[in-house]
């Protein structure tokens, strides 16, 4: 049966020792848990079910108890996390929940883990419609990926090509128990409105809509991959997951290809894709200003800056550098409470490249310092410039002193 094969095919070439499953207790995750338990290869590994209690329904605790009891009967590890949303979060409930969910998943993963979630074809189509209405580009329309590499482990979605109706039929035929979340029937959230109002109209007029939209998403996904390949070729980078982009490699390209490079550079570094308006602003900021300028583009989640022939992509700097002098004892960590910053002695030794058989003092740069380099005292400002440290990073430099002599600098922020 297709629903069984979808899981077996995905893990056939994977080496793993631990499986984590997002388990809400609904029909999708309950069927996925059943498939995992019945798979002989996975059953021999450690299995952890993660349940997120969103504290939204009067039944939330009962659902958690249902999941805990079911996992106990199956003999698998169960972990639950309770979250509570408030408007003070300054993000939507969906965004808040997604971030919390991913945080708890990551907490339970290692490099040889597989994370399973129960996204299915109906979710795929809802996402496609939602992103199309929002005016998303190819990346947004290319859909939910069946496989994704994570910082730790791999994320697999074995039900992504299975419809909701097929999942319900499977649960019924195999007597799988599950809970029903009453919030799914309300139209309060955008996705629910698409699911409950828009898709039934489409299905009534075009019964085979799921097959045709699945094909559309597949074709868009191929186009998105080609755009990414073109961005890597145009930027002359083997990997755009670098926070630096060589400006001189791309400045003479057509504007649409520059926008394509910027889009993939930003998303490859873990940020949301820039909007069409933001892309236009980025191109205008950096490609139509004088080369003697150091312009900055600032948005909520990241900043883009230019220095010499490179563009830099960074998170906004929220640190306030302290002016204190710190005594750093050999072999111990240095903790700076004002900045919630901890650095280890072994990291310092690795950075400086020598054993440092003595205590040191440390402080952040304030200006006018001299540094011992190749036996000669040189202006630190000149050294930083020679080493290609951009101006906005120079106040993040931790200076290392042996007695009164500055012997090394270290960009720790």
Protein backbone atom coordinates (compact mmCIF):
# COMPACT_ATOMS: atom_id res chain seq x y z
CA UNK A 1 0.00 0.00 0.00
CA UNK A 2 1.28 3.50 -0.91
CA UNK A 3 1.02 4.80 2.64
CA UNK A 4 3.34 2.02 3.92
CA UNK A 5 5.79 2.34 1.04
CA UNK A 6 6.12 6.11 1.50
CA UNK A 7 7.91 5.59 4.84
CA UNK A 8 10.05 2.61 3.85
CA UNK A 9 11.32 4.34 0.70
CA UNK A 10 12.37 7.48 2.60
CA UNK A 11 14.52 5.68 5.17
CA UNK A 12 16.05 3.11 2.79
CA UNK A 13 19.32 5.05 2.39
CA UNK A 14 19.47 6.66 5.86
CA UNK A 15 21.83 5.88 8.72
CA UNK A 16 20.22 6.80 12.03
CA UNK A 17 19.99 5.66 15.65
CA UNK A 18 17.15 7.82 16.96
CA UNK A 19 13.69 8.78 15.70
CA UNK A 20 11.70 11.78 16.91
CA UNK A 21 8.05 12.18 15.90
CA UNK A 22 5.83 15.21 16.33
CA UNK A 23 2.76 13.65 17.97
CA UNK A 24 -0.37 15.76 18.53
CA UNK A 25 -2.74 12.79 18.86
CA UNK A 26 -4.68 13.82 15.73
CA UNK A 27 -5.35 11.38 12.91
CA UNK A 28 -2.28 12.41 10.85
CA UNK A 29 0.35 11.96 13.57
CA UNK A 30 -1.45 8.89 14.97
CA UNK A 31 -1.25 7.15 11.59
CA UNK A 32 2.40 8.20 11.25
CA UNK A 33 3.18 6.82 14.72
CA UNK A 34 1.48 3.54 13.76
CA UNK A 35 3.61 3.29 10.60
CA UNK A 36 6.78 3.98 12.60
CA UNK A 37 5.96 1.33 15.18
CA UNK A 38 5.18 -1.24 12.47
CA UNK A 39 8.41 -0.58 10.57
CA UNK A 40 10.96 -3.21 11.60
CA UNK A 41 13.99 -1.01 10.89
CA UNK A 42 12.71 1.96 12.90
CA UNK A 43 11.31 -0.22 15.69
CA UNK A 44 14.86 -1.33 16.55
CA UNK A 45 15.92 2.29 17.17
CA UNK A 46 15.18 4.66 20.03
CA UNK A 47 11.83 6.40 19.41
CA UNK A 48 10.76 9.65 21.10
CA UNK A 49 7.30 11.17 20.65
CA UNK A 50 7.12 14.94 21.21
CA UNK A 51 3.77 16.49 22.12
CA UNK A 52 3.21 20.26 22.20
CA UNK A 53 0.39 21.35 24.51
CA UNK A 54 -0.72 24.73 23.13
CA UNK A 55 -3.01 25.43 26.14
CA UNK A 56 -5.72 26.76 23.80
CA UNK A 57 -8.53 24.27 24.33
CA UNK A 58 -10.27 23.08 27.50
CA UNK A 59 -9.33 19.62 26.21
CA UNK A 60 -5.59 20.32 25.82
CA UNK A 61 -4.56 18.43 28.96
CA UNK A 62 -6.81 15.49 28.05
CA UNK A 63 -5.15 15.28 24.63
CA UNK A 64 -1.75 15.27 26.29
CA UNK A 65 -2.87 12.45 28.62
CA UNK A 66 -4.20 10.48 25.62
CA UNK A 67 -0.83 10.75 23.86
CA UNK A 68 1.14 9.89 26.99
CA UNK A 69 -0.96 6.80 27.69
CA UNK A 70 -0.76 5.63 24.08
CA UNK A 71 3.05 5.94 24.05
CA UNK A 72 3.24 4.10 27.38
CA UNK A 73 1.24 1.21 25.91
CA UNK A 74 3.51 1.18 22.84
CA UNK A 75 6.66 1.25 24.98
CA UNK A 76 8.15 4.41 23.50
CA UNK A 77 9.52 7.55 25.13
CA UNK A 78 7.07 10.43 25.48
CA UNK A 79 7.93 14.09 26.12
CA UNK A 80 5.44 16.95 26.36
CA UNK A 81 6.00 20.70 26.36
CA UNK A 82 3.41 23.25 27.36
CA UNK A 83 3.38 26.65 25.66
CA UNK A 84 1.14 29.64 26.19
CA UNK A 85 0.65 32.39 23.63
CA UNK A 86 -0.04 36.02 24.48
CA UNK A 87 -0.32 39.10 22.29
CA UNK A 88 2.81 40.43 24.01
CA UNK A 89 4.82 38.01 21.85
CA UNK A 90 4.54 40.51 18.97
CA UNK A 91 4.20 37.68 16.42
CA UNK A 92 1.22 35.67 15.20
CA UNK A 93 0.13 32.57 17.08
CA UNK A 94 1.19 30.40 14.12
CA UNK A 95 4.68 31.95 14.04
CA UNK A 96 5.05 31.70 17.83
CA UNK A 97 3.97 28.04 17.82
CA UNK A 98 6.26 27.16 14.91
CA UNK A 99 9.31 28.64 16.62
CA UNK A 100 8.55 26.92 19.93
CA UNK A 101 7.85 23.60 18.21
CA UNK A 102 11.12 23.72 16.26
CA UNK A 103 13.01 24.67 19.42
CA UNK A 104 11.68 21.62 21.30
CA UNK A 105 12.33 19.33 18.34
CA UNK A 106 15.93 20.53 18.03
CA UNK A 107 16.42 20.02 21.76
CA UNK A 108 15.79 16.30 21.27
CA UNK A 109 17.81 15.75 18.07
CA UNK A 110 21.40 14.80 17.38
CA UNK A 111 23.33 14.36 14.13
CA UNK A 112 22.06 10.79 13.64
CA UNK A 113 18.41 11.57 14.40
CA UNK A 114 15.45 11.60 12.05
CA UNK A 115 12.55 13.94 12.78
CA UNK A 116 9.20 12.75 11.39
CA UNK A 117 6.18 15.04 11.04
CA UNK A 118 2.80 14.18 9.54
CA UNK A 119 2.36 16.87 6.88
CA UNK A 120 0.22 15.48 4.05
CA UNK A 121 -0.90 16.44 0.54
CA UNK A 122 -3.83 18.54 1.78
CA UNK A 123 -1.36 20.55 3.91
CA UNK A 124 0.79 20.95 0.82
CA UNK A 125 -2.10 22.33 -1.22
CA UNK A 126 -3.27 24.64 1.60
CA UNK A 127 0.26 26.05 1.82
CA UNK A 128 0.39 26.54 -1.94
CA UNK A 129 -2.94 28.42 -2.01
CA UNK A 130 -2.04 30.47 1.08
CA UNK A 131 1.33 31.52 -0.37
CA UNK A 132 -0.17 32.22 -3.81
CA UNK A 133 -2.70 34.60 -2.24
CA UNK A 134 0.15 36.32 -0.36
CA UNK A 135 2.02 36.83 -3.63
CA UNK A 136 4.94 34.51 -2.83
CA UNK A 137 7.69 33.80 -5.34
CA UNK A 138 8.85 30.41 -6.58
CA UNK A 139 10.36 29.43 -3.23
CA UNK A 140 7.07 29.98 -1.42
CA UNK A 141 5.08 28.17 -4.11
CA UNK A 142 7.47 25.22 -4.34
CA UNK A 143 5.79 23.63 -1.37
CA UNK A 144 6.68 21.70 1.77
CA UNK A 145 9.80 19.59 1.20
CA UNK A 146 9.60 15.84 1.77
CA UNK A 147 13.17 15.88 3.13
CA UNK A 148 15.20 18.64 4.74
CA UNK A 149 18.62 18.68 6.36
CA UNK A 150 18.61 20.23 9.82
CA UNK A 151 21.44 21.56 11.98
CA UNK A 152 21.10 18.26 13.81
CA UNK A 153 19.68 15.33 11.88
CA UNK A 154 17.18 15.11 9.02
CA UNK A 155 13.51 16.09 8.80
CA UNK A 156 11.30 13.66 6.84
CA UNK A 157 7.62 14.02 5.89
CA UNK A 158 6.58 10.58 4.58
CA UNK A 159 2.87 11.46 4.20
CA UNK A 160 3.40 14.56 2.05
CA UNK A 161 1.99 12.85 -1.07
CA UNK A 162 -0.90 11.16 0.79
CA UNK A 163 -4.33 12.84 0.97
CA UNK A 164 -6.25 13.46 4.19
CA UNK A 165 -9.02 11.12 2.99
CA UNK A 166 -6.48 8.33 2.51
CA UNK A 167 -5.15 8.92 6.03
CA UNK A 168 -8.68 8.73 7.52
CA UNK A 169 -9.37 5.52 5.57
CA UNK A 170 -6.11 3.99 6.81
CA UNK A 171 -6.92 4.89 10.42
CA UNK A 172 -10.38 3.35 10.11
CA UNK A 173 -9.14 0.14 8.46
CA UNK A 174 -6.44 -0.36 11.12
CA UNK A 175 -8.51 0.69 14.16
CA UNK A 176 -6.15 3.54 15.02
CA UNK A 177 -7.45 5.75 17.82
CA UNK A 178 -6.99 9.52 17.60
CA UNK A 179 -8.39 12.77 18.95
CA UNK A 180 -10.26 15.50 17.05
CA UNK A 181 -9.18 19.11 17.63
CA UNK A 182 -12.35 21.21 17.55
CA UNK A 183 -10.36 24.28 16.45
CA UNK A 184 -9.87 22.67 13.01
CA UNK A 185 -13.55 23.28 12.24
CA UNK A 186 -13.39 27.03 12.93
CA UNK A 187 -12.47 29.60 10.27
CA UNK A 188 -10.51 31.89 12.59
CA UNK A 189 -7.10 31.03 11.14
CA UNK A 190 -6.32 31.65 7.45
CA UNK A 191 -5.36 28.03 6.78
CA UNK A 192 -8.58 26.81 8.37
CA UNK A 193 -10.58 29.12 6.10
CA UNK A 194 -8.78 27.74 3.06
CA UNK A 195 -9.34 24.17 4.29
CA UNK A 196 -13.00 24.56 5.29
CA UNK A 197 -14.31 27.05 2.71
CA UNK A 198 -12.11 27.35 -0.36
CA UNK A 199 -10.90 23.78 -0.96
CA UNK A 200 -14.40 22.20 -0.80
CA UNK A 201 -15.50 24.57 -3.59
CA UNK A 202 -12.48 23.63 -5.69
CA UNK A 203 -12.99 19.93 -4.98
CA UNK A 204 -16.65 20.11 -5.96
CA UNK A 205 -15.87 21.64 -9.35
CA UNK A 206 -12.52 19.90 -10.02
CA UNK A 207 -12.57 16.51 -8.22
CA UNK A 208 -9.02 15.67 -9.32
CA UNK A 209 -7.61 19.01 -8.12
CA UNK A 210 -5.14 17.41 -5.68
CA UNK A 211 -3.38 15.45 -8.44
CA UNK A 212 -3.09 18.45 -10.77
CA UNK A 213 -1.93 20.85 -8.04
CA UNK A 214 0.57 18.24 -6.84
CA UNK A 215 2.01 18.23 -10.37
CA UNK A 216 2.03 22.04 -10.45
CA UNK A 217 3.92 22.20 -7.15
CA UNK A 218 6.42 19.63 -8.44
CA UNK A 219 7.10 21.72 -11.56
CA UNK A 220 7.47 24.93 -9.55
CA UNK A 221 9.87 23.13 -7.21
CA UNK A 222 12.05 22.21 -10.21
CA UNK A 223 12.02 25.86 -11.33
CA UNK A 224 13.00 27.00 -7.83
CA UNK A 225 15.94 24.57 -7.80
CA UNK A 226 17.11 25.87 -11.18
CA UNK A 227 16.97 29.44 -9.85
CA UNK A 228 19.09 28.42 -6.87
CA UNK A 229 21.63 26.72 -9.16
CA UNK A 230 21.75 29.86 -11.31
CA UNK A 231 22.29 32.01 -8.18
CA UNK A 232 25.27 29.86 -7.14
CA UNK A 233 26.76 30.06 -10.65
CA UNK A 234 26.19 33.82 -10.98
CA UNK A 235 27.62 34.61 -7.56
CA UNK A 236 30.63 32.34 -8.19
CA UNK A 237 30.08 30.76 -4.76
CA UNK A 238 30.01 27.03 -4.13
CA UNK A 239 27.73 27.63 -1.17
CA UNK A 240 25.57 30.71 -0.49
CA UNK A 241 25.38 29.84 3.22
CA UNK A 242 28.17 32.33 3.76
CA UNK A 243 27.34 35.67 5.32
CA UNK A 244 29.56 37.40 2.75
CA UNK A 245 28.88 37.94 -0.94
CA UNK A 246 31.46 39.24 -3.41
CA UNK A 247 30.01 42.44 -4.83
CA UNK A 248 32.30 42.65 -7.85
CA UNK A 249 31.14 39.20 -9.06
CA UNK A 250 27.55 40.31 -9.51
CA UNK A 251 27.38 44.10 -9.94
CA UNK A 252 27.28 43.94 -13.76
CA UNK A 253 24.58 41.25 -13.99
CA UNK A 254 20.98 42.04 -15.08
CA UNK A 255 18.85 43.25 -12.18
CA UNK A 256 16.55 40.19 -12.10
CA UNK A 257 19.55 37.89 -11.70
CA UNK A 258 20.99 40.09 -8.94
CA UNK A 259 17.62 39.84 -7.16
CA UNK A 260 17.72 36.06 -7.59
CA UNK A 261 21.19 35.91 -5.99
CA UNK A 262 20.15 38.13 -3.06
CA UNK A 263 16.98 36.09 -2.47
CA UNK A 264 18.83 32.77 -2.29
CA UNK A 265 21.71 34.25 -0.29
CA UNK A 266 19.32 35.53 2.37
CA UNK A 267 17.21 32.34 2.60
CA UNK A 268 20.29 30.06 2.60
CA UNK A 269 21.43 31.85 5.75
CA UNK A 270 18.18 30.97 7.53
CA UNK A 271 16.19 34.18 7.05
CA UNK A 272 12.82 34.70 5.38
CA UNK A 273 12.89 35.50 1.67
CA UNK A 274 12.84 39.26 1.03
CA UNK A 275 9.61 40.65 -0.41
CA UNK A 276 9.58 42.09 -3.92
CA UNK A 277 9.70 45.59 -2.46
CA UNK A 278 12.62 44.70 -0.18
CA UNK A 279 14.56 43.20 -3.09
CA UNK A 280 14.11 46.39 -5.09
CA UNK A 281 15.28 48.43 -2.09
CA UNK A 282 18.34 46.21 -1.57
CA UNK A 283 19.38 46.51 -5.22
CA UNK A 284 18.81 50.27 -5.16
CA UNK A 285 20.75 50.67 -1.89
CA UNK A 286 23.87 48.77 -2.91
CA UNK A 287 24.04 48.79 -6.69
CA UNK A 288 23.16 52.43 -7.38
CA UNK A 289 25.30 54.10 -4.73
CA UNK A 290 28.91 55.23 -5.05
CA UNK A 291 31.64 52.67 -4.37
CA UNK A 292 33.14 55.04 -1.79
CA UNK A 293 29.96 54.70 0.29
CA UNK A 294 29.19 52.07 2.95
CA UNK A 295 25.38 51.81 2.72
CA UNK A 296 23.22 49.69 5.05
CA UNK A 297 19.88 47.94 4.48
CA UNK A 298 17.99 47.23 7.72
CA UNK A 299 14.88 45.10 8.24
CA UNK A 300 13.39 43.33 11.26
CA UNK A 301 15.39 40.10 11.10
CA UNK A 302 18.66 41.00 9.41
CA UNK A 303 20.93 43.75 8.10
CA UNK A 304 22.90 43.91 4.84
CA UNK A 305 26.00 46.10 4.74
CA UNK A 306 28.70 46.81 2.17
CA UNK A 307 32.40 47.17 2.81
CA UNK A 308 34.91 47.38 -0.02
CA UNK A 309 33.86 44.69 -2.55
CA UNK A 310 31.74 42.55 -0.24
CA UNK A 311 28.18 42.47 1.04
CA UNK A 312 27.69 41.27 4.63
CA UNK A 313 24.50 39.65 5.98
CA UNK A 314 24.07 39.77 9.76
CA UNK A 315 21.50 39.64 12.52
CA UNK A 316 20.90 43.04 14.15
CA UNK A 317 23.48 43.59 16.89
CA UNK A 318 21.70 43.81 20.25
CA UNK A 319 24.85 43.76 22.36
CA UNK A 320 25.96 46.80 24.31
CA UNK A 321 29.71 46.57 24.66
CA UNK A 322 31.02 47.10 28.19
CA UNK A 323 34.11 49.23 28.94
CA UNK A 324 35.23 47.09 31.91
CA UNK A 325 38.65 45.47 32.19
CA UNK A 326 38.52 41.72 32.97
CA UNK A 327 41.17 39.60 34.67
CA UNK A 328 41.22 36.25 32.88
CA UNK A 329 42.81 33.38 34.83
CA UNK A 330 44.62 30.74 32.79
CA UNK A 331 42.45 27.67 32.10
CA UNK A 332 39.16 29.25 33.20
CA UNK A 333 36.16 30.60 31.28
CA UNK A 334 35.60 34.32 30.97
CA UNK A 335 32.00 35.34 31.62
CA UNK A 336 30.77 38.87 30.95
CA UNK A 337 27.40 39.16 32.73
CA UNK A 338 26.40 42.49 31.20
CA UNK A 339 26.48 40.87 27.76
CA UNK A 340 25.57 37.30 28.79
CA UNK A 341 28.72 36.26 26.96
CA UNK A 342 30.91 33.29 27.88
CA UNK A 343 34.20 32.39 26.17
CA UNK A 344 36.51 29.52 27.14
CA UNK A 345 40.25 29.47 27.61
CA UNK A 346 40.58 26.67 25.03
CA UNK A 347 38.80 28.87 22.47
CA UNK A 348 41.23 31.68 23.24
CA UNK A 349 44.25 29.37 22.83
CA UNK A 350 42.86 28.07 19.53
CA UNK A 351 42.24 31.61 18.29
CA UNK A 352 45.65 33.03 19.22
CA UNK A 353 47.54 29.94 18.08
CA UNK A 354 49.87 29.75 21.09
CA UNK A 355 49.82 28.06 24.49
CA UNK A 356 49.39 31.22 26.63
CA UNK A 357 51.09 29.91 29.76
CA UNK A 358 50.05 32.96 31.76
CA UNK A 359 47.01 34.91 32.93
CA UNK A 360 45.75 37.72 30.70
CA UNK A 361 43.47 40.71 30.91
CA UNK A 362 40.75 41.47 28.39
CA UNK A 363 38.61 44.43 27.38
CA UNK A 364 36.69 45.64 24.37
CA UNK A 365 38.22 48.05 21.92
CA UNK A 366 37.76 51.75 22.59
CA UNK A 367 40.21 53.22 20.04
CA UNK A 368 43.83 54.33 19.79
CA UNK A 369 45.35 50.94 20.73
CA UNK A 370 48.69 49.54 19.53
CA UNK A 371 49.21 45.82 18.95
CA UNK A 372 52.36 43.73 18.86
CA UNK A 373 52.54 42.08 15.42
CA UNK A 374 55.62 40.33 14.07
CA UNK A 375 57.68 41.95 16.80
CA UNK A 376 56.52 45.48 15.89
CA UNK A 377 53.95 47.70 17.63
CA UNK A 378 51.36 48.73 15.04
CA UNK A 379 48.16 50.74 15.13
CA UNK A 380 45.30 48.32 15.83
CA UNK A 381 43.05 50.33 13.52
CA UNK A 382 45.49 49.76 10.65
CA UNK A 383 45.76 46.05 11.46
CA UNK A 384 41.97 45.65 11.52
CA UNK A 385 41.73 47.43 8.19
CA UNK A 386 44.48 45.21 6.71
CA UNK A 387 42.70 42.10 8.03
CA UNK A 388 39.46 43.13 6.31
CA UNK A 389 37.42 43.72 9.49
CA UNK A 390 34.52 46.01 8.48
CA UNK A 391 34.04 49.24 10.47
CA UNK A 392 30.81 48.12 12.22
CA UNK A 393 32.57 45.04 13.67
CA UNK A 394 35.52 46.87 15.13
CA UNK A 395 33.81 47.77 18.39
CA UNK A 396 33.00 44.06 18.91
CA UNK A 397 36.69 43.22 19.20
CA UNK A 398 37.87 41.70 22.49
CA UNK A 399 41.46 42.76 23.17
CA UNK A 400 43.84 40.35 24.94
CA UNK A 401 46.67 41.83 27.04
CA UNK A 402 49.76 40.33 28.63
CA UNK A 403 50.44 42.84 31.36
CA UNK A 404 50.38 46.18 29.49
CA UNK A 405 51.05 44.74 26.02
CA UNK A 406 48.19 44.08 23.58
CA UNK A 407 49.03 40.66 22.10
CA UNK A 408 45.86 39.61 20.25
CA UNK A 409 42.40 40.67 19.19
CA UNK A 410 39.32 38.47 18.88
CA UNK A 411 35.92 39.14 17.32
CA UNK A 412 33.70 37.29 19.81
CA UNK A 413 30.27 38.80 18.92
